[in-house]
N, C-alpha and C. Protein backbone atom coordinates (compact mmCIF):
# COMPACT_ATOMS: atom_id res chain seq x y z
N MET A 1 -2.80 5.99 2.42
CA MET A 1 -2.92 4.67 1.84
C MET A 1 -4.26 4.10 2.26
N LYS A 2 -4.91 3.48 1.36
CA LYS A 2 -6.23 2.95 1.59
C LYS A 2 -6.16 1.43 1.55
N SER A 3 -6.75 0.76 2.52
CA SER A 3 -6.76 -0.69 2.50
C SER A 3 -8.14 -1.19 2.89
N ARG A 4 -8.43 -2.41 2.50
CA ARG A 4 -9.71 -2.99 2.88
C ARG A 4 -9.49 -4.46 3.15
N THR A 5 -10.31 -5.03 4.00
CA THR A 5 -10.20 -6.43 4.35
C THR A 5 -10.87 -7.26 3.26
N VAL A 6 -10.18 -8.31 2.82
CA VAL A 6 -10.74 -9.22 1.83
C VAL A 6 -10.61 -10.64 2.35
N ALA A 7 -11.39 -11.53 1.80
CA ALA A 7 -11.34 -12.93 2.23
C ALA A 7 -9.99 -13.54 1.88
N PRO A 8 -9.41 -14.36 2.78
CA PRO A 8 -8.13 -15.01 2.49
C PRO A 8 -8.23 -15.93 1.28
N ASP A 9 -7.12 -16.01 0.54
CA ASP A 9 -7.05 -16.93 -0.58
C ASP A 9 -5.63 -17.48 -0.69
N ASN A 10 -5.38 -18.35 -1.64
CA ASN A 10 -4.07 -18.98 -1.76
C ASN A 10 -2.98 -18.02 -2.19
N GLY A 11 -3.28 -16.93 -2.86
CA GLY A 11 -2.28 -15.98 -3.32
C GLY A 11 -2.15 -14.79 -2.39
N ALA A 12 -2.31 -15.00 -1.10
CA ALA A 12 -2.41 -13.91 -0.14
C ALA A 12 -1.15 -13.08 -0.01
N ASP A 13 0.01 -13.60 -0.36
CA ASP A 13 1.24 -12.82 -0.22
C ASP A 13 1.83 -12.46 -1.57
N ALA A 14 0.99 -12.36 -2.56
CA ALA A 14 1.45 -12.07 -3.92
C ALA A 14 1.19 -10.62 -4.28
N ALA A 15 1.97 -10.11 -5.21
CA ALA A 15 1.74 -8.77 -5.76
C ALA A 15 1.42 -8.94 -7.23
N THR A 16 0.52 -8.11 -7.71
CA THR A 16 0.20 -8.18 -9.13
C THR A 16 0.97 -7.09 -9.86
N THR A 17 1.45 -7.41 -11.02
CA THR A 17 2.18 -6.45 -11.85
C THR A 17 1.18 -5.68 -12.69
N PRO A 18 1.35 -4.36 -12.78
CA PRO A 18 0.41 -3.60 -13.60
C PRO A 18 0.50 -4.04 -15.06
N LYS A 19 -0.64 -4.11 -15.71
CA LYS A 19 -0.67 -4.52 -17.11
C LYS A 19 -0.31 -3.35 -18.04
N ARG A 20 -0.59 -2.13 -17.59
CA ARG A 20 -0.28 -0.93 -18.36
C ARG A 20 0.41 0.08 -17.46
N GLU A 21 1.25 0.91 -18.05
CA GLU A 21 1.92 1.95 -17.28
C GLU A 21 0.87 2.89 -16.70
N GLY A 22 1.05 3.26 -15.44
CA GLY A 22 0.10 4.13 -14.77
C GLY A 22 -0.99 3.37 -14.04
N GLU A 23 -1.11 2.08 -14.28
CA GLU A 23 -2.10 1.25 -13.59
C GLU A 23 -1.57 0.92 -12.20
N PRO A 24 -2.39 1.00 -11.17
CA PRO A 24 -1.91 0.74 -9.81
C PRO A 24 -1.50 -0.71 -9.59
N VAL A 25 -0.59 -0.90 -8.64
CA VAL A 25 -0.14 -2.23 -8.24
C VAL A 25 -0.97 -2.65 -7.04
N LYS A 26 -1.45 -3.88 -7.03
CA LYS A 26 -2.23 -4.38 -5.90
C LYS A 26 -1.39 -5.40 -5.14
N LEU A 27 -1.32 -5.24 -3.83
CA LEU A 27 -0.58 -6.14 -2.96
C LEU A 27 -1.55 -6.81 -2.01
N LEU A 28 -1.38 -8.08 -1.78
CA LEU A 28 -2.16 -8.80 -0.77
C LEU A 28 -1.21 -9.22 0.33
N ARG A 29 -1.55 -8.91 1.57
CA ARG A 29 -0.73 -9.28 2.71
C ARG A 29 -1.63 -9.88 3.78
N ARG A 30 -1.21 -11.00 4.32
CA ARG A 30 -1.95 -11.65 5.38
C ARG A 30 -1.29 -11.33 6.71
N ILE A 31 -2.08 -10.84 7.64
CA ILE A 31 -1.63 -10.59 9.01
C ILE A 31 -2.58 -11.38 9.89
N GLY A 32 -2.06 -12.44 10.50
CA GLY A 32 -2.91 -13.34 11.26
C GLY A 32 -3.88 -14.02 10.33
N SER A 33 -5.15 -13.96 10.66
CA SER A 33 -6.16 -14.60 9.82
C SER A 33 -6.86 -13.61 8.88
N THR A 34 -6.35 -12.36 8.85
CA THR A 34 -6.95 -11.34 7.99
C THR A 34 -6.03 -11.05 6.81
N THR A 35 -6.59 -10.97 5.63
CA THR A 35 -5.83 -10.63 4.43
C THR A 35 -6.20 -9.22 4.01
N TYR A 36 -5.18 -8.38 3.77
CA TYR A 36 -5.39 -6.99 3.36
C TYR A 36 -4.97 -6.83 1.91
N GLU A 37 -5.78 -6.13 1.14
CA GLU A 37 -5.44 -5.77 -0.23
C GLU A 37 -5.08 -4.30 -0.22
N VAL A 38 -3.87 -3.98 -0.65
CA VAL A 38 -3.40 -2.60 -0.67
C VAL A 38 -3.11 -2.24 -2.12
N THR A 39 -3.67 -1.14 -2.56
CA THR A 39 -3.44 -0.66 -3.91
C THR A 39 -2.44 0.49 -3.85
N VAL A 40 -1.37 0.39 -4.63
CA VAL A 40 -0.32 1.39 -4.64
C VAL A 40 -0.29 2.05 -6.02
N HIS A 41 -0.25 3.36 -6.03
CA HIS A 41 -0.13 4.07 -7.30
C HIS A 41 0.78 5.27 -7.10
N TYR A 42 1.42 5.70 -8.15
CA TYR A 42 2.39 6.78 -8.10
C TYR A 42 1.98 7.88 -9.06
N SER A 43 2.28 9.10 -8.68
CA SER A 43 1.99 10.25 -9.53
C SER A 43 3.20 10.53 -10.42
N ASN A 44 2.97 10.70 -11.69
CA ASN A 44 4.06 11.05 -12.61
C ASN A 44 4.48 12.50 -12.45
N THR A 45 3.65 13.32 -11.83
CA THR A 45 3.95 14.73 -11.67
C THR A 45 4.36 15.09 -10.24
N GLY A 46 4.37 14.12 -9.34
CA GLY A 46 4.71 14.38 -7.94
C GLY A 46 6.15 14.80 -7.77
N LYS A 47 6.39 15.64 -6.79
CA LYS A 47 7.74 16.15 -6.53
C LYS A 47 8.38 15.51 -5.31
N ASP A 48 7.59 14.82 -4.47
CA ASP A 48 8.12 14.17 -3.28
C ASP A 48 8.77 12.84 -3.64
N THR A 49 9.85 12.52 -2.94
CA THR A 49 10.48 11.21 -3.10
C THR A 49 9.73 10.22 -2.21
N MET A 50 9.98 8.94 -2.41
CA MET A 50 9.37 7.92 -1.56
C MET A 50 9.80 8.13 -0.11
N ALA A 51 11.05 8.51 0.10
CA ALA A 51 11.54 8.78 1.46
C ALA A 51 10.75 9.92 2.11
N ASP A 52 10.44 10.99 1.34
CA ASP A 52 9.65 12.10 1.86
C ASP A 52 8.26 11.64 2.28
N ILE A 53 7.65 10.83 1.45
CA ILE A 53 6.30 10.34 1.72
C ILE A 53 6.29 9.46 2.97
N LEU A 54 7.25 8.54 3.06
CA LEU A 54 7.31 7.65 4.23
C LEU A 54 7.60 8.43 5.50
N ARG A 55 8.49 9.41 5.43
CA ARG A 55 8.79 10.24 6.60
C ARG A 55 7.52 10.96 7.08
N ARG A 56 6.75 11.52 6.13
CA ARG A 56 5.52 12.22 6.48
C ARG A 56 4.51 11.27 7.14
N ILE A 57 4.38 10.06 6.60
CA ILE A 57 3.46 9.07 7.18
C ILE A 57 3.89 8.72 8.59
N LEU A 58 5.18 8.47 8.79
CA LEU A 58 5.68 8.11 10.12
C LEU A 58 5.49 9.26 11.11
N GLU A 59 5.76 10.48 10.67
CA GLU A 59 5.57 11.63 11.57
C GLU A 59 4.11 11.75 12.01
N ARG A 60 3.17 11.53 11.09
CA ARG A 60 1.75 11.59 11.46
C ARG A 60 1.38 10.49 12.45
N GLU A 61 1.94 9.30 12.24
CA GLU A 61 1.65 8.20 13.17
C GLU A 61 2.20 8.50 14.56
N VAL A 62 3.39 9.05 14.63
CA VAL A 62 3.99 9.39 15.93
C VAL A 62 3.14 10.43 16.63
N GLU A 63 2.66 11.43 15.89
CA GLU A 63 1.81 12.48 16.48
C GLU A 63 0.52 11.90 17.05
N ARG A 64 -0.01 10.88 16.40
CA ARG A 64 -1.26 10.25 16.86
C ARG A 64 -1.09 9.61 18.23
N TYR A 65 0.11 9.10 18.52
CA TYR A 65 0.32 8.35 19.77
C TYR A 65 1.08 9.14 20.83
N ASP A 66 1.39 10.40 20.57
CA ASP A 66 2.07 11.23 21.58
C ASP A 66 1.09 11.80 22.56
């Protein structure tokens, strides 16, 4: 997942709905005084479930701190 810091604004906790199918969803989340914009997109040909992807991400994070 790729994120970047953006300037805070009034819609900081809003998600945008894709205008067309296949267009990524953008989420803005504020943590403290920093607002993060996260772009989420899904593969139509992917074979992994969301649970598989999240498990893999968590396993990598655990390995980083072991």
